[in-house]
Protein backbone atom coordinates (compact mmCIF):
# COMPACT_ATOMS: atom_id res chain seq x y z
CA HIS A 1 42.23 120.22 301.56
CA LEU A 2 41.72 120.88 305.25
CA LYS A 3 39.81 118.18 307.06
CA ARG A 4 36.21 119.00 307.93
CA ASN A 5 35.76 117.21 311.24
CA ALA A 6 34.89 119.21 314.36
CA PHE A 7 38.40 119.25 315.79
CA SER A 8 39.93 120.41 312.51
CA ARG A 9 37.38 123.22 312.13
CA TRP A 10 38.06 124.36 315.71
CA LYS A 11 41.83 124.16 315.23
CA TYR A 12 41.93 126.35 312.15
CA LYS A 13 39.70 128.97 313.77
CA GLN A 14 42.56 129.55 316.24
CA VAL A 15 45.06 130.29 313.48
CA ASP A 16 46.15 133.90 312.96
CA ALA A 17 47.90 133.14 309.67
CA ALA A 18 48.25 130.28 307.23
CA ILE A 19 51.52 130.36 305.29
CA CYS A 20 51.07 128.52 301.98
CA SER A 21 53.86 127.34 299.71
CA SER A 22 51.96 128.29 296.54
CA HIS A 23 49.01 130.34 295.33
CA ALA A 24 47.31 127.04 294.54
CA ILE A 25 47.43 125.97 298.19
CA ARG A 26 46.32 129.43 299.34
CA GLY A 27 43.24 129.12 297.13
CA MET A 28 42.45 125.74 298.66
CA VAL A 29 42.68 126.88 302.28
CA ILE A 30 40.55 129.94 301.54
CA GLU A 31 37.99 127.65 299.92
CA ASP A 32 38.09 125.55 303.09
CA GLY A 33 37.30 128.50 305.35
CA ILE A 34 40.54 130.34 306.20
CA PRO A 35 39.84 134.11 305.78
CA GLU A 36 41.64 135.67 302.83
CA ASP A 37 43.45 138.19 305.02
CA CYS A 38 44.86 135.32 307.10
CA ALA A 39 46.24 133.31 304.16
CA PHE A 40 49.66 134.22 302.76
CA THR A 41 51.70 132.73 299.93
CA VAL A 42 55.40 132.26 300.57
CA HIS A 43 56.85 130.16 297.79
CA GLU A 44 59.27 127.50 298.91
CA GLY A 45 62.96 128.14 298.42
CA VAL A 46 66.03 125.97 297.88
CA GLN A 47 69.73 126.51 298.53
CA VAL A 48 70.69 127.29 294.95
CA ASP A 49 74.39 127.92 295.66
CA ARG A 50 74.73 124.58 297.46
CA ILE A 51 73.17 122.69 294.55
CA GLU A 52 75.27 124.57 291.99
CA ALA A 53 78.44 123.67 293.88
CA VAL A 54 77.81 119.90 293.82
CA PRO A 55 79.57 118.11 290.94
CA ALA A 56 77.38 116.08 288.59
CA GLU A 57 77.63 112.31 288.73
CA ASP A 58 77.75 110.11 285.65
CA VAL A 59 74.30 108.51 285.97
CA CYS A 60 75.01 105.73 283.49
CA ARG A 61 78.15 104.67 285.33
CA ALA A 62 76.55 105.00 288.78
CA LEU A 63 73.51 102.91 287.85
CA TRP A 64 75.20 100.47 285.45
CA LEU A 65 73.46 101.73 282.34
CA PRO A 66 74.92 101.64 278.82
CA PRO A 67 77.26 104.62 278.40
CA GLY A 68 75.64 107.62 276.74
CA SER A 69 72.05 106.44 277.29
CA PRO A 70 69.48 109.27 277.48
CA THR A 71 68.26 109.48 281.09
CA VAL A 72 64.94 110.82 282.32
CA GLY A 73 64.51 111.16 286.07
CA ASN A 74 61.63 111.54 288.51
CA ILE A 75 62.27 112.22 292.21
CA ALA A 76 59.26 111.78 294.49
CA ALA A 77 57.69 109.53 297.07
CA LEU A 78 55.95 106.54 295.50
CA VAL A 79 52.44 107.64 296.47
CA PRO A 80 49.31 108.11 294.34
CA HIS A 81 49.32 111.90 293.96
CA LYS A 82 52.86 111.89 292.50
CA GLY A 83 51.47 110.14 289.41
CA GLN A 84 54.41 107.86 288.55
CA ARG A 85 51.95 105.40 287.01
CA TYR A 86 51.37 107.91 284.19
CA LEU A 87 55.11 108.24 283.60
CA VAL A 88 55.36 104.45 283.37
CA ASP A 89 52.39 104.42 280.97
CA ALA A 90 54.22 107.02 278.83
CA ALA A 91 57.38 104.90 278.71
CA PRO A 92 56.44 102.52 275.84
CA THR A 93 55.92 105.48 273.49
CA ILE A 94 59.22 107.02 274.58
CA VAL A 95 61.18 103.78 274.24
CA ARG A 96 59.71 102.99 270.82
CA ALA A 97 60.86 106.39 269.56
CA LEU A 98 64.21 106.48 271.39
CA PRO A 99 65.07 102.88 272.29
CA ASP A 100 68.18 103.70 274.35
CA THR A 101 66.28 105.88 276.83
CA HIS A 102 66.19 104.93 280.51
CA ILE A 103 63.52 106.28 282.87
CA LEU A 104 64.69 106.42 286.46
CA ILE A 105 62.23 106.82 289.34
CA PHE A 106 63.93 107.79 292.60
CA GLY A 107 62.12 107.43 295.93
CA GLU A 108 60.30 104.93 298.11
CA GLY A 109 56.67 104.49 299.12
CA GLU A 110 53.56 102.40 299.23
CA LEU A 111 53.23 102.09 295.45
CA ARG A 112 56.52 100.29 294.84
CA PRO A 113 54.85 96.85 294.43
CA ALA A 114 52.14 98.22 292.11
CA LEU A 115 54.66 100.14 289.98
CA THR A 116 56.91 97.08 289.81
CA ARG A 117 54.00 95.02 288.49
CA GLN A 118 53.07 97.74 285.99
CA ILE A 119 56.64 97.97 284.68
CA ARG A 120 56.86 94.18 284.35
CA HIS A 121 53.46 93.96 282.63
CA LEU A 122 54.60 96.50 280.02
CA GLY A 123 57.87 94.64 279.47
CA LEU A 124 59.92 97.64 280.56
CA ASP A 125 62.17 96.05 283.20
CA HIS A 126 65.30 97.11 281.32
CA ARG A 127 64.12 100.64 280.51
CA VAL A 128 62.22 101.83 283.60
CA ARG A 129 63.94 101.44 286.95
CA LEU A 130 62.68 102.06 290.48
CA VAL A 131 65.98 103.23 291.90
CA GLY A 132 64.77 103.75 295.48
CA PHE A 133 66.19 106.21 297.98
CA ARG A 134 69.64 107.61 297.18
CA PRO A 135 71.69 109.79 299.56
CA ASP A 136 73.59 111.11 296.50
CA ILE A 137 70.44 112.35 294.79
CA ILE A 138 71.73 115.85 293.95
CA PRO A 139 74.80 114.62 292.01
CA LEU A 140 72.58 112.12 290.19
CA LEU A 141 69.98 114.81 289.46
CA LYS A 142 72.71 116.97 287.94
CA GLY A 143 73.75 114.07 285.72
CA LEU A 144 70.29 113.49 284.22
CA ASP A 145 69.34 114.65 280.74
CA LEU A 146 65.80 115.63 281.77
CA PHE A 147 63.68 115.91 284.91
CA VAL A 148 59.99 114.92 284.94
CA MET A 149 57.29 115.55 287.56
CA SER A 150 54.12 113.60 286.73
CA SER A 151 51.99 114.63 289.73
CA ILE A 152 48.21 114.77 289.60
CA THR A 153 48.18 117.22 292.51
CA GLU A 154 51.11 119.16 293.94
CA GLY A 155 51.65 122.02 296.35
CA LEU A 156 54.61 123.42 294.43
CA GLY A 157 57.23 120.70 294.00
CA THR A 158 60.54 121.10 295.81
CA SER A 159 62.12 118.48 293.54
CA ILE A 160 61.27 120.73 290.59
CA LEU A 161 63.06 123.64 292.25
CA ASP A 162 66.07 121.39 292.90
CA ALA A 163 66.06 120.35 289.22
CA MET A 164 65.93 123.96 288.07
CA ALA A 165 68.80 124.83 290.44
CA ALA A 166 70.66 121.94 288.79
CA SER A 167 70.08 123.60 285.37
CA LYS A 168 67.70 120.88 284.20
CA ALA A 169 64.82 121.44 281.81
CA VAL A 170 61.59 120.20 283.40
CA VAL A 171 58.57 118.37 282.04
CA GLY A 172 55.72 118.78 284.51
CA THR A 173 51.97 118.74 284.74
CA THR A 174 49.63 121.67 285.23
CA ALA A 175 48.57 120.29 288.63
CA GLY A 176 48.47 122.53 291.69
CA GLY A 177 51.37 124.93 292.06
CA ILE A 178 53.63 123.40 289.40
CA PRO A 179 52.84 126.17 286.84
CA GLU A 180 54.00 128.70 289.44
CA ALA A 181 57.44 127.08 289.36
CA VAL A 182 57.79 126.02 285.72
CA GLU A 183 57.29 128.63 283.02
CA HIS A 184 55.89 126.73 280.05
CA GLY A 185 58.04 127.05 276.95
CA VAL A 186 60.78 128.88 278.88
CA THR A 187 62.06 126.64 281.69
CA GLY A 188 60.23 123.50 280.62
CA LEU A 189 57.04 122.04 279.17
CA LEU A 190 53.74 121.55 281.00
CA VAL A 191 51.09 118.98 280.11
CA PRO A 192 47.70 118.05 281.60
CA PRO A 193 47.80 115.56 284.48
CA HIS A 194 46.53 111.97 283.94
CA ASN A 195 47.79 112.14 280.32
CA PRO A 196 50.59 109.67 279.42
CA GLY A 197 50.41 110.58 275.72
CA ALA A 198 51.05 114.28 276.33
CA LEU A 199 53.75 113.41 278.86
CA ALA A 200 55.53 111.19 276.33
CA GLU A 201 55.32 113.83 273.61
CA ALA A 202 56.83 116.52 275.83
CA ILE A 203 59.63 114.22 277.00
CA LEU A 204 60.48 113.23 273.43
CA THR A 205 60.47 116.87 272.30
CA LEU A 206 63.15 117.73 274.84
CA LEU A 207 65.18 114.53 274.52
CA ARG A 208 65.49 115.18 270.78
CA ASP A 209 66.69 118.77 271.21
CA ALA A 210 69.78 119.15 273.39
CA ALA A 211 70.08 122.88 272.63
CA LEU A 212 66.51 123.50 273.79
CA ARG A 213 67.14 121.49 276.97
CA ARG A 214 70.23 123.56 277.65
CA ARG A 215 68.41 126.89 277.11
CA MET A 216 65.53 125.82 279.34
CA GLY A 217 67.95 124.59 282.00
CA GLU A 218 69.77 127.93 282.02
CA ALA A 219 66.46 129.81 282.21
CA GLY A 220 65.33 127.54 285.04
CA LEU A 221 68.48 128.25 287.03
CA GLU A 222 67.97 131.99 286.66
CA ARG A 223 64.31 131.69 287.65
CA VAL A 224 64.98 129.67 290.78
CA ARG A 225 67.93 131.89 291.70
CA THR A 226 65.77 135.02 291.66
CA ARG A 227 62.33 133.74 292.70
CA PHE A 228 62.74 130.50 294.65
CA ASN A 229 65.89 130.90 296.72
CA VAL A 230 65.90 130.09 300.42
CA ASP A 231 66.90 133.61 301.56
CA ARG A 232 63.83 135.10 299.88
CA MET A 233 61.66 132.44 301.52
CA VAL A 234 63.04 133.28 304.96
CA ASP A 235 62.58 137.03 304.45
CA GLU A 236 58.99 136.63 303.28
CA THR A 237 58.18 134.27 306.16
CA LEU A 238 59.52 136.80 308.66
CA ALA A 239 57.44 139.50 306.98
CA VAL A 240 54.29 137.44 307.57
CA TYR A 241 55.16 137.03 311.26
CA GLU A 242 55.79 140.76 311.60
CA ARG A 243 52.53 141.63 309.86
CA VAL A 244 50.50 139.26 312.02
CA ALA A 245 52.27 140.36 315.23
CA ARG A 246 51.13 143.95 314.63
CA ARG A 247 47.47 142.96 314.47
CA PRO A 248 45.23 143.43 317.52
CA ARG A 249 44.18 140.01 318.80
CA ALA A 250 40.59 139.11 319.57
CA ALA A 251 39.97 138.02 323.15
CA ASP A 252 40.27 134.28 323.68
CA ASN A 253 36.88 132.92 324.73
CA GLY A 254 38.62 130.09 326.60
CA SER A 255 36.42 127.45 325.00
CA PRO A 256 38.05 124.02 324.90
CA PRO A 257 38.27 122.17 321.61
CA PRO A 258 35.26 120.04 320.73
CA ARG A 259 35.45 116.30 321.16
CA SER A 260 36.05 114.54 317.88
C-alpha cells in the first residue's frame, strides 16, 4: 500500500498516472486514494524468445544431487512476503510421499538465517537447499520439474512469468496478482496463501503426473507468449503516456511539499 504520511500524500497528488503491474495493485492504489481514471494496469512482460532460446541445464548435475531426483524450485528474494517458510513447512509431507524429491530455493535476503534454522529443525538439510543467487538461473529454471511461488502477497510475479516462458507448470498461491498470471487447472495449480498442507498437495499432484506437468507447461508458454510478452508491455505503457499527454493539465498551485 501507499504510505500515508504527509509527504507521501502530497507526492501522489502530483501524479497524472499510476501504471500498475496487475489489477491487484491497481485496486490497492485506488483504495489508497489514486483516482480510478489515473490508475492503469499494464501487466509485466518478459522476453519469451530469449528464455526459449536458452538451453536447459541438468539441475541434478549442476547442484550435485542424485541423478533423476524430482526437483521443485522457488526463485525469489528471501523476504517475508515471498512465503518460503510455508514451502519449507510443506516439505516434510512432500518428502514422506516422494522421498527422492529436492526442494531448491534460489535467492538471497534477510530470512536466510531463519530459513536455515527452520530447515535444520525439520531435519530437511538433505532435501531442502537454500541455493543462493545464481547467474545461470534461467538454464537451471528450465531444468526443474516444477516451479513454486509461495508468496503471501505479490504484485504479479516476474519469476512466474519466467517459469511459464520456460514451459514449466506452476504451483502458486492466490495472493495478489498471481491468479492474473496463472490460470488454475490450465497452466498450474493455485492454493490459498499461508497453507503448507494445500501447497504440499498441489506439488505432489503435479510431481506424480508428468503428462499433466507437460500440458500445463505448454499452456503456460502459450499464455505468456500472447499475454505477458515484453513487446505488449512496451506498447501498452506507451499508450498510457499518450493518453495522459492528451489530457488538459490543471494549473500548478506552486505549493511546496509539506514537511514530513
